[in-house]
Every structure is written in structure tokens, then in C-alpha cells.
Amino acid sequence: MQGHKIVTRDEWLIARTELLVKEKEFTRLRDQLSKERRELPWVKVEKAYLFDGPKGQETLGDLFEEQRQLIIYHFMYGPDWEDGCPSCSFWADNFDGINIHLNHRDINLIAVSRARLEQLDAYKKRMGWRFKWVSSYGSDFNRDYHVSFTADEMERGEMFHNFRIEGFPSEEAPGVSVFYKNQQGDIFHTYSCYARGLDILNGAYHYMDLTPGGRDEDDLPSTMAWLRRHDQYVR
């Protein structure tokens, strides 16, 4: 950042207001996109799924609790993994504290992983998280929502990921899926997103975007090479 242009306050104000025009246009486009997202058609969930949670076995309908809308974060944590994914852990650091606000807008947010419940509980305790996290171990749920891949798919490098056939470097992928439950108890899948579609859900990244240095990832060997679980940073 050395050699960055330095100007007077008046010159800065001119440049800032020019950027504000673009920011406002971006906000309007984002609002329009959100409207179109809400208008997507729905798919009725016909399959029965069971999850292992704090109350024992729970159905997909149980995960809504008192709300009509359910957001599931597909957290990368395979049954044979020692720890949860560092990137998903970064996203999960944003979860605690918001569910009470979501609940008051008829929304429940939880995480789902294929790892067994005891693995999730131990990792959750280590990370100091409070959000609800259930296991889909033994269920088709992760496969059906395209966040878990078979060994054969991995070998061929052909997974259905982010709505197309492509390679992916892991047998587990992150994602978000959204569901709605009507008064009759019918459940509908309304939305899913993967890859950079998850970016907007990470508040820390967007704070970084406000700074002169930004995310500062362009020269790294991989995008998130700097990242550590929050208990692994060397202070």
C-alpha cells in the first residue's frame, strides 16, 4: 500500500461521492436480486430425513422448531475427519448471537454435517459455539443437497457441485439450503447456494473489504491460506 495517492479532504470527498453512486447502484441491484431469489419456485421435500441432535433423532420438520423458515448451513465435517473444516469454522464464527434475531423473523438457523454427533459436540465445545448442530450420518441428506461426494466421483473428478458437473478437492463441500414449512407440515426446498454464493454470509470478510488492505489474498498460494481456526492463531 506504499505510494498510495494522498489528496486533500475536498478531493477525497469528490472521489468518495463518485464511488457512492456505484455503491447505491450495487445496493439496488442486490435488492432486486434478493426479490428474484424470493420468487423462485419451490420443490416439495418428499423424502424423510433423520438427524441426530441434542434431543435424539429429529426429522427435518423438527429442525424448524417454532419457525416456518429454516436455513441449514452445510458444514464440512466428514465422519472420519479429526476436526471440522477451517473455512466452515470461519463462517460458523458468525452464527452465534444472530439466531434470536432470525427467530423473531420466523427463521431458524442450524448447521448440519455428516460427522457423528459426538464429534460435532466435542468440536463445538472446543470452539465455544452455541448454535444448534446436528448430524446427518447415515442419511442421504448431504448427497441429495450436493455437499457430499462418493469416492468414485472424487476419482473421476466429476461431482454435481454448484449446479454443474465439475471437480471439487474434497468429499465434503460447504453450502446453504433454505426450507419452508406450511401450516399443514409440508416442507419445501426454496433455495441453495455454494462456492462464492456463501461469501455474503461472512461478516468478517465484509469488514475486511472496507479497509485499504482488503482481504489481502491475491498473492497467497490459495485463497484462504492465511486462515486458522480461531483457537490456532499465534498471538
C-alpha atoms as a PDB file:
ATOM      1  CA  MET A   1       0.000   0.000   0.000  1.00  0.00           C
ATOM      2  CA  GLN A   2       3.043   2.264  -0.075  1.00  0.00           C
ATOM      3  CA  GLY A   3       2.831   5.085  -2.605  1.00  0.00           C
ATOM      4  CA  HIS A   4      -0.945   5.284  -2.384  1.00  0.00           C
ATOM      5  CA  LYS A   5      -2.338   8.565  -3.705  1.00  0.00           C
ATOM      6  CA  ILE A   6      -2.710  11.242  -0.989  1.00  0.00           C
ATOM      7  CA  VAL A   7      -5.134  14.133  -1.592  1.00  0.00           C
ATOM      8  CA  THR A   8      -6.850  16.978   0.239  1.00  0.00           C
ATOM      9  CA  ARG A   9     -10.067  16.421   2.150  1.00  0.00           C
ATOM     10  CA  ASP A  10     -12.060  18.176  -0.603  1.00  0.00           C
ATOM     11  CA  GLU A  11     -10.509  15.980  -3.299  1.00  0.00           C
ATOM     12  CA  TRP A  12     -11.211  12.895  -1.202  1.00  0.00           C
ATOM     13  CA  LEU A  13     -14.852  13.952  -0.837  1.00  0.00           C
ATOM     14  CA  ILE A  14     -15.250  14.210  -4.614  1.00  0.00           C
ATOM     15  CA  ALA A  15     -13.791  10.730  -5.114  1.00  0.00           C
ATOM     16  CA  ARG A  16     -15.879   9.320  -2.276  1.00  0.00           C
ATOM     17  CA  THR A  17     -19.173  10.680  -3.605  1.00  0.00           C
ATOM     18  CA  GLU A  18     -18.377   9.298  -7.064  1.00  0.00           C
ATOM     19  CA  LEU A  19     -17.920   5.859  -5.524  1.00  0.00           C
ATOM     20  CA  LEU A  20     -21.144   6.319  -3.523  1.00  0.00           C
ATOM     21  CA  VAL A  21     -23.110   6.453  -6.773  1.00  0.00           C
ATOM     22  CA  LYS A  22     -21.760   2.991  -7.674  1.00  0.00           C
ATOM     23  CA  GLU A  23     -22.393   1.683  -4.160  1.00  0.00           C
ATOM     24  CA  LYS A  24     -26.034   2.787  -4.290  1.00  0.00           C
ATOM     25  CA  GLU A  25     -26.479   1.136  -7.682  1.00  0.00           C
ATOM     26  CA  PHE A  26     -24.977  -2.069  -6.296  1.00  0.00           C
ATOM     27  CA  THR A  27     -27.412  -1.925  -3.355  1.00  0.00           C
ATOM     28  CA  ARG A  28     -30.370  -1.521  -5.710  1.00  0.00           C
ATOM     29  CA  LEU A  29     -29.165  -4.451  -7.826  1.00  0.00           C
ATOM     30  CA  ARG A  30     -28.715  -6.572  -4.702  1.00  0.00           C
ATOM     31  CA  ASP A  31     -32.254  -5.735  -3.552  1.00  0.00           C
ATOM     32  CA  GLN A  32     -33.600  -6.750  -6.963  1.00  0.00           C
ATOM     33  CA  LEU A  33     -31.623  -9.993  -6.871  1.00  0.00           C
ATOM     34  CA  SER A  34     -32.969 -10.765  -3.386  1.00  0.00           C
ATOM     35  CA  LYS A  35     -36.512 -10.192  -4.664  1.00  0.00           C
ATOM     36  CA  GLU A  36     -35.930 -12.587  -7.558  1.00  0.00           C
ATOM     37  CA  ARG A  37     -34.470 -15.137  -5.128  1.00  0.00           C
ATOM     38  CA  ARG A  38     -37.643 -14.979  -3.042  1.00  0.00           C
ATOM     39  CA  GLU A  39     -39.732 -15.505  -6.184  1.00  0.00           C
ATOM     40  CA  LEU A  40     -38.002 -18.758  -7.175  1.00  0.00           C
ATOM     41  CA  PRO A  41     -40.355 -21.770  -7.430  1.00  0.00           C
ATOM     42  CA  TRP A  42     -40.237 -24.338  -4.634  1.00  0.00           C
ATOM     43  CA  VAL A  43     -39.781 -28.118  -4.587  1.00  0.00           C
ATOM     44  CA  LYS A  44     -41.740 -30.235  -2.113  1.00  0.00           C
ATOM     45  CA  VAL A  45     -39.480 -32.415   0.042  1.00  0.00           C
ATOM     46  CA  GLU A  46     -40.902 -35.922  -0.293  1.00  0.00           C
ATOM     47  CA  LYS A  47     -38.093 -37.901   1.366  1.00  0.00           C
ATOM     48  CA  ALA A  48     -37.999 -38.412   5.125  1.00  0.00           C
ATOM     49  CA  TYR A  49     -34.662 -37.476   6.697  1.00  0.00           C
ATOM     50  CA  LEU A  50     -33.484 -38.268  10.224  1.00  0.00           C
ATOM     51  CA  PHE A  51     -30.762 -36.362  12.067  1.00  0.00           C
ATOM     52  CA  ASP A  52     -29.016 -36.984  15.374  1.00  0.00           C
ATOM     53  CA  GLY A  53     -29.364 -33.924  17.586  1.00  0.00           C
ATOM     54  CA  PRO A  54     -29.432 -32.809  21.212  1.00  0.00           C
ATOM     55  CA  LYS A  55     -32.923 -34.289  21.661  1.00  0.00           C
ATOM     56  CA  GLY A  56     -32.124 -37.602  19.971  1.00  0.00           C
ATOM     57  CA  GLN A  57     -33.348 -38.365  16.477  1.00  0.00           C
ATOM     58  CA  GLU A  58     -35.030 -35.424  14.770  1.00  0.00           C
ATOM     59  CA  THR A  59     -36.798 -35.100  11.440  1.00  0.00           C
ATOM     60  CA  LEU A  60     -36.261 -32.267   9.006  1.00  0.00           C
ATOM     61  CA  GLY A  61     -39.552 -30.844  10.243  1.00  0.00           C
ATOM     62  CA  ASP A  62     -38.299 -30.919  13.849  1.00  0.00           C
ATOM     63  CA  LEU A  63     -35.351 -28.710  12.915  1.00  0.00           C
ATOM     64  CA  PHE A  64     -37.670 -25.781  12.200  1.00  0.00           C
ATOM     65  CA  GLU A  65     -38.663 -25.738  15.909  1.00  0.00           C
ATOM     66  CA  GLU A  66     -41.245 -22.916  16.224  1.00  0.00           C
ATOM     67  CA  GLN A  67     -40.377 -21.227  12.934  1.00  0.00           C
ATOM     68  CA  ARG A  68     -41.718 -21.650   9.402  1.00  0.00           C
ATOM     69  CA  GLN A  69     -38.403 -20.977   7.649  1.00  0.00           C
ATOM     70  CA  LEU A  70     -35.198 -22.961   8.100  1.00  0.00           C
ATOM     71  CA  ILE A  71     -31.665 -22.130   6.973  1.00  0.00           C
ATOM     72  CA  ILE A  72     -29.215 -25.036   7.033  1.00  0.00           C
ATOM     73  CA  TYR A  73     -25.514 -24.380   6.766  1.00  0.00           C
ATOM     74  CA  HIS A  74     -23.818 -27.449   5.280  1.00  0.00           C
ATOM     75  CA  PHE A  75     -20.696 -27.564   7.448  1.00  0.00           C
ATOM     76  CA  MET A  76     -17.810 -29.598   6.000  1.00  0.00           C
ATOM     77  CA  TYR A  77     -17.064 -32.293   8.562  1.00  0.00           C
ATOM     78  CA  GLY A  78     -16.760 -35.892   7.355  1.00  0.00           C
ATOM     79  CA  PRO A  79     -17.216 -38.918   9.641  1.00  0.00           C
ATOM     80  CA  ASP A  80     -13.508 -39.770   9.514  1.00  0.00           C
ATOM     81  CA  TRP A  81     -12.206 -36.212   9.947  1.00  0.00           C
ATOM     82  CA  GLU A  82     -10.386 -35.236  13.127  1.00  0.00           C
ATOM     83  CA  ASP A  83     -11.669 -31.637  13.040  1.00  0.00           C
ATOM     84  CA  GLY A  84     -14.202 -29.512  11.244  1.00  0.00           C
ATOM     85  CA  CYS A  85     -13.201 -27.566   8.142  1.00  0.00           C
ATOM     86  CA  PRO A  86     -11.245 -24.367   8.980  1.00  0.00           C
ATOM     87  CA  SER A  87     -13.161 -22.333   6.377  1.00  0.00           C
ATOM     88  CA  CYS A  88     -16.552 -23.514   7.629  1.00  0.00           C
ATOM     89  CA  SER A  89     -15.332 -22.749  11.144  1.00  0.00           C
ATOM     90  CA  PHE A  90     -14.617 -19.182   9.985  1.00  0.00           C
ATOM     91  CA  TRP A  91     -18.180 -18.917   8.697  1.00  0.00           C
ATOM     92  CA  ALA A  92     -19.575 -20.522  11.862  1.00  0.00           C
ATOM     93  CA  ASP A  93     -17.853 -17.875  13.996  1.00  0.00           C
ATOM     94  CA  ASN A  94     -20.511 -15.547  12.525  1.00  0.00           C
ATOM     95  CA  PHE A  95     -23.506 -17.660  13.657  1.00  0.00           C
ATOM     96  CA  ASP A  96     -23.752 -17.186  17.414  1.00  0.00           C
ATOM     97  CA  GLY A  97     -25.829 -14.248  18.535  1.00  0.00           C
ATOM     98  CA  ILE A  98     -27.908 -13.884  15.364  1.00  0.00           C
ATOM     99  CA  ASN A  99     -30.439 -16.688  15.808  1.00  0.00           C
ATOM    100  CA  ILE A 100     -32.531 -14.767  18.331  1.00  0.00           C
ATOM    101  CA  HIS A 101     -32.966 -12.061  15.702  1.00  0.00           C
ATOM    102  CA  LEU A 102     -33.715 -14.611  12.976  1.00  0.00           C
ATOM    103  CA  ASN A 103     -36.249 -16.335  15.243  1.00  0.00           C
ATOM    104  CA  HIS A 104     -38.149 -13.067  15.514  1.00  0.00           C
ATOM    105  CA  ARG A 105     -38.415 -13.057  11.714  1.00  0.00           C
ATOM    106  CA  ASP A 106     -39.781 -16.644  11.663  1.00  0.00           C
ATOM    107  CA  ILE A 107     -36.402 -18.172  10.713  1.00  0.00           C
ATOM    108  CA  ASN A 108     -34.259 -20.838  12.364  1.00  0.00           C
ATOM    109  CA  LEU A 109     -30.559 -21.309  11.523  1.00  0.00           C
ATOM    110  CA  ILE A 110     -28.699 -24.552  12.230  1.00  0.00           C
ATOM    111  CA  ALA A 111     -25.661 -26.445  10.929  1.00  0.00           C
ATOM    112  CA  VAL A 112     -25.661 -29.983   9.537  1.00  0.00           C
ATOM    113  CA  SER A 113     -22.653 -32.260   8.976  1.00  0.00           C
ATOM    114  CA  ARG A 114     -22.070 -35.937   8.197  1.00  0.00           C
ATOM    115  CA  ALA A 115     -19.735 -36.404  11.172  1.00  0.00           C
ATOM    116  CA  ARG A 116     -21.264 -38.238  14.126  1.00  0.00           C
ATOM    117  CA  LEU A 117     -22.935 -36.176  16.810  1.00  0.00           C
ATOM    118  CA  GLU A 118     -20.240 -36.857  19.401  1.00  0.00           C
ATOM    119  CA  GLN A 119     -17.631 -35.436  17.012  1.00  0.00           C
ATOM    120  CA  LEU A 120     -19.742 -32.331  16.425  1.00  0.00           C
ATOM    121  CA  ASP A 121     -20.381 -31.834  20.140  1.00  0.00           C
ATOM    122  CA  ALA A 122     -16.686 -32.115  21.002  1.00  0.00           C
ATOM    123  CA  TYR A 123     -15.634 -29.672  18.284  1.00  0.00           C
ATOM    124  CA  LYS A 124     -18.449 -27.292  19.171  1.00  0.00           C
ATOM    125  CA  LYS A 125     -17.295 -27.288  22.799  1.00  0.00           C
ATOM    126  CA  ARG A 126     -13.698 -26.652  21.718  1.00  0.00           C
ATOM    127  CA  MET A 127     -14.775 -23.694  19.554  1.00  0.00           C
ATOM    128  CA  GLY A 128     -17.097 -22.279  22.230  1.00  0.00           C
ATOM    129  CA  TRP A 129     -20.115 -22.189  19.895  1.00  0.00           C
ATOM    130  CA  ARG A 130     -23.776 -22.283  20.989  1.00  0.00           C
ATOM    131  CA  PHE A 131     -25.707 -22.732  17.730  1.00  0.00           C
ATOM    132  CA  LYS A 132     -27.565 -25.990  17.069  1.00  0.00           C
ATOM    133  CA  TRP A 133     -25.559 -28.530  15.079  1.00  0.00           C
ATOM    134  CA  VAL A 134     -26.956 -31.911  14.068  1.00  0.00           C
ATOM    135  CA  SER A 135     -25.513 -34.976  12.367  1.00  0.00           C
ATOM    136  CA  SER A 136     -26.784 -36.364   9.074  1.00  0.00           C
ATOM    137  CA  TYR A 137     -24.633 -39.500   9.447  1.00  0.00           C
ATOM    138  CA  GLY A 138     -26.281 -42.449   7.680  1.00  0.00           C
ATOM    139  CA  SER A 139     -28.725 -40.165   5.864  1.00  0.00           C
ATOM    140  CA  ASP A 140     -28.966 -39.227   2.188  1.00  0.00           C
ATOM    141  CA  PHE A 141     -29.395 -35.583   3.112  1.00  0.00           C
ATOM    142  CA  ASN A 142     -25.876 -34.392   2.219  1.00  0.00           C
ATOM    143  CA  ARG A 143     -25.904 -36.321  -1.049  1.00  0.00           C
ATOM    144  CA  ASP A 144     -29.342 -35.055  -2.015  1.00  0.00           C
ATOM    145  CA  TYR A 145     -28.305 -31.444  -1.440  1.00  0.00           C
ATOM    146  CA  HIS A 146     -24.987 -31.922  -3.257  1.00  0.00           C
ATOM    147  CA  VAL A 147     -22.479 -31.345  -0.466  1.00  0.00           C
ATOM    148  CA  SER A 148     -21.059 -34.888  -0.120  1.00  0.00           C
ATOM    149  CA  PHE A 149     -19.406 -36.897  -2.874  1.00  0.00           C
ATOM    150  CA  THR A 150     -18.529 -40.555  -3.369  1.00  0.00           C
ATOM    151  CA  ALA A 151     -15.035 -41.989  -3.777  1.00  0.00           C
ATOM    152  CA  ASP A 152     -15.884 -42.812  -7.398  1.00  0.00           C
ATOM    153  CA  GLU A 153     -16.921 -39.215  -8.088  1.00  0.00           C
ATOM    154  CA  MET A 154     -13.731 -37.993  -6.448  1.00  0.00           C
ATOM    155  CA  GLU A 155     -11.610 -40.343  -8.581  1.00  0.00           C
ATOM    156  CA  ARG A 156     -13.307 -39.231 -11.799  1.00  0.00           C
ATOM    157  CA  GLY A 157     -13.337 -35.573 -10.758  1.00  0.00           C
ATOM    158  CA  GLU A 158     -16.996 -35.378 -11.728  1.00  0.00           C
ATOM    159  CA  MET A 159     -19.305 -34.113  -8.996  1.00  0.00           C
ATOM    160  CA  PHE A 160     -22.581 -32.280  -9.289  1.00  0.00           C
ATOM    161  CA  HIS A 161     -21.475 -29.165  -7.452  1.00  0.00           C
ATOM    162  CA  ASN A 162     -22.796 -25.606  -7.684  1.00  0.00           C
ATOM    163  CA  PHE A 163     -25.409 -26.765 -10.214  1.00  0.00           C
ATOM    164  CA  ARG A 164     -22.976 -28.237 -12.731  1.00  0.00           C
ATOM    165  CA  ILE A 165     -20.653 -31.197 -13.162  1.00  0.00           C
ATOM    166  CA  GLU A 166     -17.144 -30.237 -12.086  1.00  0.00           C
ATOM    167  CA  GLY A 167     -14.236 -31.294  -9.920  1.00  0.00           C
ATOM    168  CA  PHE A 168     -14.038 -30.469  -6.219  1.00  0.00           C
ATOM    169  CA  PRO A 169     -10.998 -31.038  -3.976  1.00  0.00           C
ATOM    170  CA  SER A 170     -12.837 -32.695  -1.080  1.00  0.00           C
ATOM    171  CA  GLU A 171     -15.502 -35.321  -0.429  1.00  0.00           C
ATOM    172  CA  GLU A 172     -17.418 -32.680   1.554  1.00  0.00           C
ATOM    173  CA  ALA A 173     -18.456 -29.222   0.330  1.00  0.00           C
ATOM    174  CA  PRO A 174     -19.908 -26.166   2.058  1.00  0.00           C
ATOM    175  CA  GLY A 175     -23.292 -24.758   1.185  1.00  0.00           C
ATOM    176  CA  VAL A 176     -26.549 -23.298   2.431  1.00  0.00           C
ATOM    177  CA  SER A 177     -30.031 -24.689   1.857  1.00  0.00           C
ATOM    178  CA  VAL A 178     -33.304 -22.989   2.761  1.00  0.00           C
ATOM    179  CA  PHE A 179     -36.648 -24.632   3.518  1.00  0.00           C
ATOM    180  CA  TYR A 180     -40.220 -23.533   4.246  1.00  0.00           C
ATOM    181  CA  LYS A 181     -42.853 -25.447   6.247  1.00  0.00           C
ATOM    182  CA  ASN A 182     -46.534 -24.631   5.756  1.00  0.00           C
ATOM    183  CA  GLN A 183     -49.345 -24.957   8.299  1.00  0.00           C
ATOM    184  CA  GLN A 184     -50.076 -28.492   7.124  1.00  0.00           C
ATOM    185  CA  GLY A 185     -46.490 -29.521   7.877  1.00  0.00           C
ATOM    186  CA  ASP A 186     -45.448 -29.853   4.236  1.00  0.00           C
ATOM    187  CA  ILE A 187     -41.803 -28.889   3.685  1.00  0.00           C
ATOM    188  CA  PHE A 188     -40.446 -27.188   0.585  1.00  0.00           C
ATOM    189  CA  HIS A 189     -36.883 -26.607  -0.589  1.00  0.00           C
ATOM    190  CA  THR A 190     -36.722 -22.968  -1.685  1.00  0.00           C
ATOM    191  CA  TYR A 191     -33.039 -22.170  -2.269  1.00  0.00           C
ATOM    192  CA  SER A 192     -29.466 -23.438  -2.103  1.00  0.00           C
ATOM    193  CA  CYS A 193     -26.117 -21.794  -2.793  1.00  0.00           C
ATOM    194  CA  TYR A 194     -22.500 -22.875  -2.816  1.00  0.00           C
ATOM    195  CA  ALA A 195     -18.994 -21.548  -3.527  1.00  0.00           C
ATOM    196  CA  ARG A 196     -18.868 -17.712  -3.713  1.00  0.00           C
ATOM    197  CA  GLY A 197     -22.607 -17.635  -3.084  1.00  0.00           C
ATOM    198  CA  LEU A 198     -21.715 -18.106   0.584  1.00  0.00           C
ATOM    199  CA  ASP A 199     -19.474 -15.042   0.633  1.00  0.00           C
ATOM    200  CA  ILE A 200     -22.179 -12.623   1.738  1.00  0.00           C
ATOM    201  CA  LEU A 201     -22.791 -14.714   4.878  1.00  0.00           C
ATOM    202  CA  ASN A 202     -19.338 -13.999   6.325  1.00  0.00           C
ATOM    203  CA  GLY A 203     -19.411 -10.644   8.092  1.00  0.00           C
ATOM    204  CA  ALA A 204     -15.674 -10.683   8.850  1.00  0.00           C
ATOM    205  CA  TYR A 205     -14.814 -10.728   5.157  1.00  0.00           C
ATOM    206  CA  HIS A 206     -17.047  -7.734   4.505  1.00  0.00           C
ATOM    207  CA  TYR A 207     -15.397  -5.759   7.279  1.00  0.00           C
ATOM    208  CA  MET A 208     -12.070  -6.560   5.602  1.00  0.00           C
ATOM    209  CA  ASP A 209     -13.468  -5.251   2.311  1.00  0.00           C
ATOM    210  CA  LEU A 210     -13.877  -1.819   3.925  1.00  0.00           C
ATOM    211  CA  THR A 211     -10.165  -1.485   4.676  1.00  0.00           C
ATOM    212  CA  PRO A 212      -7.283  -0.354   2.428  1.00  0.00           C
ATOM    213  CA  GLY A 213      -5.731  -3.820   2.546  1.00  0.00           C
ATOM    214  CA  GLY A 214      -8.977  -5.653   1.810  1.00  0.00           C
ATOM    215  CA  ARG A 215      -8.777  -9.416   2.099  1.00  0.00           C
ATOM    216  CA  ASP A 216      -5.110  -9.367   1.026  1.00  0.00           C
ATOM    217  CA  GLU A 217      -5.310 -12.853  -0.507  1.00  0.00           C
ATOM    218  CA  ASP A 218      -4.160 -12.283  -4.090  1.00  0.00           C
ATOM    219  CA  ASP A 219      -0.538 -13.323  -3.531  1.00  0.00           C
ATOM    220  CA  LEU A 220      -1.257 -16.344  -1.335  1.00  0.00           C
ATOM    221  CA  PRO A 221      -0.764 -19.914  -2.618  1.00  0.00           C
ATOM    222  CA  SER A 222      -4.502 -20.462  -2.072  1.00  0.00           C
ATOM    223  CA  THR A 223      -7.283 -18.019  -1.286  1.00  0.00           C
ATOM    224  CA  MET A 224      -7.587 -18.754   2.436  1.00  0.00           C
ATOM    225  CA  ALA A 225      -4.028 -19.893   3.161  1.00  0.00           C
ATOM    226  CA  TRP A 226      -3.833 -17.294   5.947  1.00  0.00           C
ATOM    227  CA  LEU A 227      -6.836 -18.703   7.798  1.00  0.00           C
ATOM    228  CA  ARG A 228      -6.641 -20.632  11.080  1.00  0.00           C
ATOM    229  CA  ARG A 229      -9.317 -21.877  13.431  1.00  0.00           C
ATOM    230  CA  HIS A 230      -9.843 -19.145  15.985  1.00  0.00           C
ATOM    231  CA  ASP A 231      -8.013 -21.118  18.702  1.00  0.00           C
ATOM    232  CA  GLN A 232      -4.949 -21.713  16.489  1.00  0.00           C
ATOM    233  CA  TYR A 233      -3.700 -18.209  15.753  1.00  0.00           C
ATOM    234  CA  VAL A 234      -0.319 -17.394  17.247  1.00  0.00           C
ATOM    235  CA  ARG A 235      -0.661 -14.094  19.074  1.00  0.00           C
END
